[in-house]
Amino acid sequence: MNDIGPTQVKAIVVNHNTSKYTELMLRSLACAHRRSPAVTILDNKSTDDTVALDAYARENGIELMQSGFDTTQLHSHGELLTKFILDNPEAPFLLFIDSDACFVEENTIDEMLAKLAGTPSLFAVQVQPSLVYFIEEEVLETLTRYLGENKGSLPVSLGSLDRLEIALVANNPEIHGDRFHPFCTLLRNSDLLRKVAVVAPV
């Protein structure tokens, strides 16, 4: 049985002045899954309020570290993803998640893992963002508070969350041709992937 726990899946999210969104993503990830992967947050010199994110990461054993980049360097996000691949050869699967993702249906990553592990010809599986809205500050704060107070459960209906910027569902996760976007993508951590990461970085 495939398990998205920390020995199987290692995840990375890059944060730059998106700390509230990153915290929301992490809370939704935990609420939507029976187990969570090992998560690393790489921060690109954020200057926003990181107190809540720091506290949540510390309380939940999530690694939060400075990336060594800010946003003045070209392609810093891709370089960080490439470095993450090369630094984690022991993890069978790697998960890229953008800071503004939010899981609203249960077991999304489990379904992605089942698809990837069960299809040897695939090197990656990504979700299809199915709901795209503009987010407003009070919606972000409301959902973050809800997830903090209702651990292990998700809203039955989006209701007042209908302006949520990105909502992910697990239906039809698929690879798009021969490329993927690191919005929410699970990769098979093969020797070939690491060779490609050296020759043609993300």
C-alpha atoms as a PDB file:
ATOM      1  CA  MET A   1       0.000   0.000   0.000  1.00  0.00           C
ATOM      2  CA  ASN A   2       1.372   3.406  -0.932  1.00  0.00           C
ATOM      3  CA  ASP A   3       1.820   5.820   1.948  1.00  0.00           C
ATOM      4  CA  ILE A   4       2.304   9.573   1.589  1.00  0.00           C
ATOM      5  CA  GLY A   5       4.067   9.708   4.965  1.00  0.00           C
ATOM      6  CA  PRO A   6       7.479  11.318   5.438  1.00  0.00           C
ATOM      7  CA  THR A   7       9.515   8.225   4.496  1.00  0.00           C
ATOM      8  CA  GLN A   8       7.858   8.042   1.073  1.00  0.00           C
ATOM      9  CA  VAL A   9       7.165  11.633   0.038  1.00  0.00           C
ATOM     10  CA  LYS A  10       9.199  14.772   0.630  1.00  0.00           C
ATOM     11  CA  ALA A  11       7.578  18.096  -0.213  1.00  0.00           C
ATOM     12  CA  ILE A  12       8.914  21.577  -0.863  1.00  0.00           C
ATOM     13  CA  VAL A  13       7.225  24.974  -0.893  1.00  0.00           C
ATOM     14  CA  VAL A  14       9.015  28.234  -1.697  1.00  0.00           C
ATOM     15  CA  ASN A  15       7.862  31.300   0.249  1.00  0.00           C
ATOM     16  CA  HIS A  16       8.477  34.965  -0.506  1.00  0.00           C
ATOM     17  CA  ASN A  17       6.127  37.377   1.268  1.00  0.00           C
ATOM     18  CA  THR A  18       3.348  34.795   0.993  1.00  0.00           C
ATOM     19  CA  SER A  19       3.545  33.573   4.594  1.00  0.00           C
ATOM     20  CA  LYS A  20      -0.227  33.705   5.256  1.00  0.00           C
ATOM     21  CA  TYR A  21      -0.883  31.708   2.110  1.00  0.00           C
ATOM     22  CA  THR A  22       1.835  29.200   2.969  1.00  0.00           C
ATOM     23  CA  GLU A  23       0.363  28.673   6.431  1.00  0.00           C
ATOM     24  CA  LEU A  24      -3.092  28.151   4.894  1.00  0.00           C
ATOM     25  CA  MET A  25      -1.686  25.641   2.409  1.00  0.00           C
ATOM     26  CA  LEU A  26       0.022  23.687   5.206  1.00  0.00           C
ATOM     27  CA  ARG A  27      -3.112  23.626   7.369  1.00  0.00           C
ATOM     28  CA  SER A  28      -5.258  22.462   4.461  1.00  0.00           C
ATOM     29  CA  LEU A  29      -2.677  19.797   3.573  1.00  0.00           C
ATOM     30  CA  ALA A  30      -2.800  18.426   7.116  1.00  0.00           C
ATOM     31  CA  CYS A  31      -6.609  18.514   7.306  1.00  0.00           C
ATOM     32  CA  ALA A  32      -7.109  16.850   3.936  1.00  0.00           C
ATOM     33  CA  HIS A  33      -4.803  13.875   4.468  1.00  0.00           C
ATOM     34  CA  ARG A  34      -4.524  11.075   7.005  1.00  0.00           C
ATOM     35  CA  ARG A  35      -0.756  11.502   6.970  1.00  0.00           C
ATOM     36  CA  SER A  36       1.378  14.338   5.674  1.00  0.00           C
ATOM     37  CA  PRO A  37       4.646  14.175   3.761  1.00  0.00           C
ATOM     38  CA  ALA A  38       7.846  15.625   5.164  1.00  0.00           C
ATOM     39  CA  VAL A  39       7.643  19.325   4.240  1.00  0.00           C
ATOM     40  CA  THR A  40      10.448  21.823   3.782  1.00  0.00           C
ATOM     41  CA  ILE A  41       9.721  25.550   3.445  1.00  0.00           C
ATOM     42  CA  LEU A  42      12.450  27.511   1.697  1.00  0.00           C
ATOM     43  CA  ASP A  43      12.049  31.216   2.340  1.00  0.00           C
ATOM     44  CA  ASN A  44      13.365  33.832  -0.098  1.00  0.00           C
ATOM     45  CA  LYS A  45      14.082  36.649   2.390  1.00  0.00           C
ATOM     46  CA  SER A  46      10.445  37.370   3.199  1.00  0.00           C
ATOM     47  CA  THR A  47       9.708  40.746   4.768  1.00  0.00           C
ATOM     48  CA  ASP A  48       6.036  40.092   5.591  1.00  0.00           C
ATOM     49  CA  ASP A  49       4.756  38.911   8.981  1.00  0.00           C
ATOM     50  CA  THR A  50       6.092  35.372   9.394  1.00  0.00           C
ATOM     51  CA  VAL A  51       5.273  34.909  13.110  1.00  0.00           C
ATOM     52  CA  ALA A  52       2.238  32.644  12.581  1.00  0.00           C
ATOM     53  CA  LEU A  53       3.974  30.582   9.892  1.00  0.00           C
ATOM     54  CA  ASP A  54       7.089  30.178  12.055  1.00  0.00           C
ATOM     55  CA  ALA A  55       4.949  29.020  14.975  1.00  0.00           C
ATOM     56  CA  TYR A  56       2.903  26.569  12.904  1.00  0.00           C
ATOM     57  CA  ALA A  57       6.024  25.083  11.323  1.00  0.00           C
ATOM     58  CA  ARG A  58       7.733  24.716  14.699  1.00  0.00           C
ATOM     59  CA  GLU A  59       4.671  23.110  16.335  1.00  0.00           C
ATOM     60  CA  ASN A  60       4.282  20.593  13.520  1.00  0.00           C
ATOM     61  CA  GLY A  61       7.883  19.628  12.856  1.00  0.00           C
ATOM     62  CA  ILE A  62       8.051  21.387   9.500  1.00  0.00           C
ATOM     63  CA  GLU A  63      11.490  22.512   8.401  1.00  0.00           C
ATOM     64  CA  LEU A  64      11.624  26.243   7.613  1.00  0.00           C
ATOM     65  CA  MET A  65      14.925  27.619   6.392  1.00  0.00           C
ATOM     66  CA  GLN A  66      16.339  30.473   4.385  1.00  0.00           C
ATOM     67  CA  SER A  67      16.962  29.582   0.766  1.00  0.00           C
ATOM     68  CA  GLY A  68      19.917  31.863   0.174  1.00  0.00           C
ATOM     69  CA  PHE A  69      17.940  33.644  -2.542  1.00  0.00           C
ATOM     70  CA  ASP A  70      15.735  36.694  -2.689  1.00  0.00           C
ATOM     71  CA  THR A  71      13.599  37.686  -5.681  1.00  0.00           C
ATOM     72  CA  THR A  72      16.293  39.707  -7.437  1.00  0.00           C
ATOM     73  CA  GLN A  73      18.008  36.627  -8.869  1.00  0.00           C
ATOM     74  CA  LEU A  74      16.583  35.224 -12.084  1.00  0.00           C
ATOM     75  CA  HIS A  75      14.924  31.791 -11.862  1.00  0.00           C
ATOM     76  CA  SER A  76      15.600  31.341  -8.149  1.00  0.00           C
ATOM     77  CA  HIS A  77      12.439  29.225  -7.745  1.00  0.00           C
ATOM     78  CA  GLY A  78      13.545  26.728 -10.375  1.00  0.00           C
ATOM     79  CA  GLU A  79      17.044  26.544  -8.954  1.00  0.00           C
ATOM     80  CA  LEU A  80      15.622  25.742  -5.528  1.00  0.00           C
ATOM     81  CA  LEU A  81      13.461  22.947  -6.922  1.00  0.00           C
ATOM     82  CA  THR A  82      16.457  21.525  -8.753  1.00  0.00           C
ATOM     83  CA  LYS A  83      18.575  21.645  -5.596  1.00  0.00           C
ATOM     84  CA  PHE A  84      15.759  19.943  -3.669  1.00  0.00           C
ATOM     85  CA  ILE A  85      15.757  17.077  -6.162  1.00  0.00           C
ATOM     86  CA  LEU A  86      19.509  16.610  -5.906  1.00  0.00           C
ATOM     87  CA  ASP A  87      19.579  16.922  -2.101  1.00  0.00           C
ATOM     88  CA  ASN A  88      16.987  14.176  -1.550  1.00  0.00           C
ATOM     89  CA  PRO A  89      18.055  11.077  -3.488  1.00  0.00           C
ATOM     90  CA  GLU A  90      16.671   8.750  -0.793  1.00  0.00           C
ATOM     91  CA  ALA A  91      13.032   9.887  -1.073  1.00  0.00           C
ATOM     92  CA  PRO A  92      11.009   7.675  -3.467  1.00  0.00           C
ATOM     93  CA  PHE A  93       8.736  10.595  -4.414  1.00  0.00           C
ATOM     94  CA  LEU A  94       9.065  14.388  -4.355  1.00  0.00           C
ATOM     95  CA  LEU A  95       6.184  16.845  -4.126  1.00  0.00           C
ATOM     96  CA  PHE A  96       6.284  20.447  -5.364  1.00  0.00           C
ATOM     97  CA  ILE A  97       3.564  22.705  -3.922  1.00  0.00           C
ATOM     98  CA  ASP A  98       3.092  26.416  -4.573  1.00  0.00           C
ATOM     99  CA  SER A  99       2.459  28.597  -1.550  1.00  0.00           C
ATOM    100  CA  ASP A 100      -0.987  29.660  -2.824  1.00  0.00           C
ATOM    101  CA  ALA A 101      -2.396  26.139  -3.161  1.00  0.00           C
ATOM    102  CA  CYS A 102      -5.224  25.065  -0.874  1.00  0.00           C
ATOM    103  CA  PHE A 103      -6.558  21.520  -0.534  1.00  0.00           C
ATOM    104  CA  VAL A 104     -10.349  21.364  -0.205  1.00  0.00           C
ATOM    105  CA  GLU A 105     -10.928  17.672  -0.905  1.00  0.00           C
ATOM    106  CA  GLU A 106      -9.543  14.758   1.029  1.00  0.00           C
ATOM    107  CA  ASN A 107      -6.626  12.540   0.015  1.00  0.00           C
ATOM    108  CA  THR A 108      -5.539  14.459  -3.091  1.00  0.00           C
ATOM    109  CA  ILE A 109      -1.894  13.488  -2.655  1.00  0.00           C
ATOM    110  CA  ASP A 110      -2.831   9.866  -1.902  1.00  0.00           C
ATOM    111  CA  GLU A 111      -4.647   9.683  -5.240  1.00  0.00           C
ATOM    112  CA  MET A 112      -1.729  11.263  -7.048  1.00  0.00           C
ATOM    113  CA  LEU A 113       0.649   8.750  -5.460  1.00  0.00           C
ATOM    114  CA  ALA A 114      -1.577   5.808  -6.381  1.00  0.00           C
ATOM    115  CA  LYS A 115      -1.665   7.019  -9.989  1.00  0.00           C
ATOM    116  CA  LEU A 116       2.087   7.587 -10.194  1.00  0.00           C
ATOM    117  CA  ALA A 117       3.138   4.405  -8.365  1.00  0.00           C
ATOM    118  CA  GLY A 118       0.691   2.340 -10.400  1.00  0.00           C
ATOM    119  CA  THR A 119       1.818   3.672 -13.782  1.00  0.00           C
ATOM    120  CA  PRO A 120       5.546   2.976 -14.319  1.00  0.00           C
ATOM    121  CA  SER A 121       5.617   4.990 -17.542  1.00  0.00           C
ATOM    122  CA  LEU A 122       4.775   8.243 -15.716  1.00  0.00           C
ATOM    123  CA  PHE A 123       7.511  10.410 -14.255  1.00  0.00           C
ATOM    124  CA  ALA A 124       5.134  12.921 -12.653  1.00  0.00           C
ATOM    125  CA  VAL A 125       1.473  13.557 -11.859  1.00  0.00           C
ATOM    126  CA  GLN A 126      -0.040  16.965 -11.290  1.00  0.00           C
ATOM    127  CA  VAL A 127      -3.432  18.193 -10.188  1.00  0.00           C
ATOM    128  CA  GLN A 128      -5.815  20.183 -12.303  1.00  0.00           C
ATOM    129  CA  PRO A 129      -6.796  23.391 -10.498  1.00  0.00           C
ATOM    130  CA  SER A 130     -10.545  23.313 -10.996  1.00  0.00           C
ATOM    131  CA  LEU A 131     -11.716  26.419  -9.154  1.00  0.00           C
ATOM    132  CA  VAL A 132     -10.020  29.757  -9.593  1.00  0.00           C
ATOM    133  CA  TYR A 133     -11.162  32.810  -7.661  1.00  0.00           C
ATOM    134  CA  PHE A 134      -9.792  36.067  -6.379  1.00  0.00           C
ATOM    135  CA  ILE A 135      -8.986  35.955  -2.703  1.00  0.00           C
ATOM    136  CA  GLU A 136      -9.811  38.645  -0.185  1.00  0.00           C
ATOM    137  CA  GLU A 137      -8.012  39.142   3.111  1.00  0.00           C
ATOM    138  CA  GLU A 138     -10.962  38.226   5.344  1.00  0.00           C
ATOM    139  CA  VAL A 139     -11.535  34.982   3.417  1.00  0.00           C
ATOM    140  CA  LEU A 140      -7.913  33.975   3.920  1.00  0.00           C
ATOM    141  CA  GLU A 141      -8.112  34.708   7.634  1.00  0.00           C
ATOM    142  CA  THR A 142     -11.470  32.924   7.999  1.00  0.00           C
ATOM    143  CA  LEU A 143     -10.275  29.731   6.332  1.00  0.00           C
ATOM    144  CA  THR A 144      -6.959  29.709   8.198  1.00  0.00           C
ATOM    145  CA  ARG A 145      -8.834  30.095  11.493  1.00  0.00           C
ATOM    146  CA  TYR A 146     -11.311  27.357  10.517  1.00  0.00           C
ATOM    147  CA  LEU A 147      -8.549  24.890   9.722  1.00  0.00           C
ATOM    148  CA  GLY A 148      -6.833  25.743  12.991  1.00  0.00           C
ATOM    149  CA  GLU A 149      -9.985  25.102  15.026  1.00  0.00           C
ATOM    150  CA  ASN A 150     -11.226  22.032  13.165  1.00  0.00           C
ATOM    151  CA  LYS A 151      -8.236  19.755  12.811  1.00  0.00           C
ATOM    152  CA  GLY A 152      -8.918  16.730  10.678  1.00  0.00           C
ATOM    153  CA  SER A 153     -11.980  18.108   8.936  1.00  0.00           C
ATOM    154  CA  LEU A 154     -12.729  20.183   5.873  1.00  0.00           C
ATOM    155  CA  PRO A 155     -15.662  22.454   5.082  1.00  0.00           C
ATOM    156  CA  VAL A 156     -18.583  20.500   3.636  1.00  0.00           C
ATOM    157  CA  SER A 157     -19.240  23.408   1.302  1.00  0.00           C
ATOM    158  CA  LEU A 158     -17.056  26.271   0.195  1.00  0.00           C
ATOM    159  CA  GLY A 159     -19.863  28.658   1.146  1.00  0.00           C
ATOM    160  CA  SER A 160     -18.243  31.978   2.026  1.00  0.00           C
ATOM    161  CA  LEU A 161     -14.970  30.645   0.636  1.00  0.00           C
ATOM    162  CA  ASP A 162     -16.160  30.998  -2.939  1.00  0.00           C
ATOM    163  CA  ARG A 163     -13.550  33.682  -3.579  1.00  0.00           C
ATOM    164  CA  LEU A 164     -10.684  31.398  -2.660  1.00  0.00           C
ATOM    165  CA  GLU A 165      -7.916  31.975  -5.146  1.00  0.00           C
ATOM    166  CA  ILE A 166      -6.951  28.390  -5.902  1.00  0.00           C
ATOM    167  CA  ALA A 167      -8.882  25.317  -4.811  1.00  0.00           C
ATOM    168  CA  LEU A 168      -7.520  21.900  -5.609  1.00  0.00           C
ATOM    169  CA  VAL A 169      -9.471  18.729  -6.186  1.00  0.00           C
ATOM    170  CA  ALA A 170      -8.261  15.228  -6.821  1.00  0.00           C
ATOM    171  CA  ASN A 171     -10.299  14.471  -9.931  1.00  0.00           C
ATOM    172  CA  ASN A 172      -8.301  13.594 -13.008  1.00  0.00           C
ATOM    173  CA  PRO A 173      -4.762  14.307 -11.828  1.00  0.00           C
ATOM    174  CA  GLU A 174      -2.673  13.908 -14.939  1.00  0.00           C
ATOM    175  CA  ILE A 175       0.572  14.735 -16.607  1.00  0.00           C
ATOM    176  CA  HIS A 176       0.311  17.398 -19.278  1.00  0.00           C
ATOM    177  CA  GLY A 177       2.329  16.227 -22.247  1.00  0.00           C
ATOM    178  CA  ASP A 178       6.016  16.100 -21.411  1.00  0.00           C
ATOM    179  CA  ARG A 179       6.096  19.037 -18.997  1.00  0.00           C
ATOM    180  CA  PHE A 180       4.497  20.012 -15.714  1.00  0.00           C
ATOM    181  CA  HIS A 181       4.003  23.080 -13.577  1.00  0.00           C
ATOM    182  CA  PRO A 182       5.222  22.922  -9.954  1.00  0.00           C
ATOM    183  CA  PHE A 183       1.897  24.238  -8.623  1.00  0.00           C
ATOM    184  CA  CYS A 184       1.138  20.823  -7.114  1.00  0.00           C
ATOM    185  CA  THR A 185       3.134  18.053  -8.749  1.00  0.00           C
ATOM    186  CA  LEU A 186       4.340  14.678  -7.504  1.00  0.00           C
ATOM    187  CA  LEU A 187       7.482  13.286  -9.140  1.00  0.00           C
ATOM    188  CA  ARG A 188       9.044   9.845  -9.212  1.00  0.00           C
ATOM    189  CA  ASN A 189      12.524  10.414  -7.761  1.00  0.00           C
ATOM    190  CA  SER A 190      14.465   8.291 -10.213  1.00  0.00           C
ATOM    191  CA  ASP A 191      18.107   8.280 -11.253  1.00  0.00           C
ATOM    192  CA  LEU A 192      16.983   9.659 -14.597  1.00  0.00           C
ATOM    193  CA  LEU A 193      15.184  12.578 -12.949  1.00  0.00           C
ATOM    194  CA  ARG A 194      18.314  13.548 -11.021  1.00  0.00           C
ATOM    195  CA  LYS A 195      20.456  13.285 -14.164  1.00  0.00           C
ATOM    196  CA  VAL A 196      18.039  15.524 -16.035  1.00  0.00           C
ATOM    197  CA  ALA A 197      18.018  17.973 -13.101  1.00  0.00           C
ATOM    198  CA  VAL A 198      21.778  18.367 -13.500  1.00  0.00           C
ATOM    199  CA  VAL A 199      21.743  18.718 -17.288  1.00  0.00           C
ATOM    200  CA  ALA A 200      18.506  20.709 -17.669  1.00  0.00           C
ATOM    201  CA  PRO A 201      17.467  22.280 -14.338  1.00  0.00           C
ATOM    202  CA  VAL A 202      13.801  22.869 -13.499  1.00  0.00           C
END
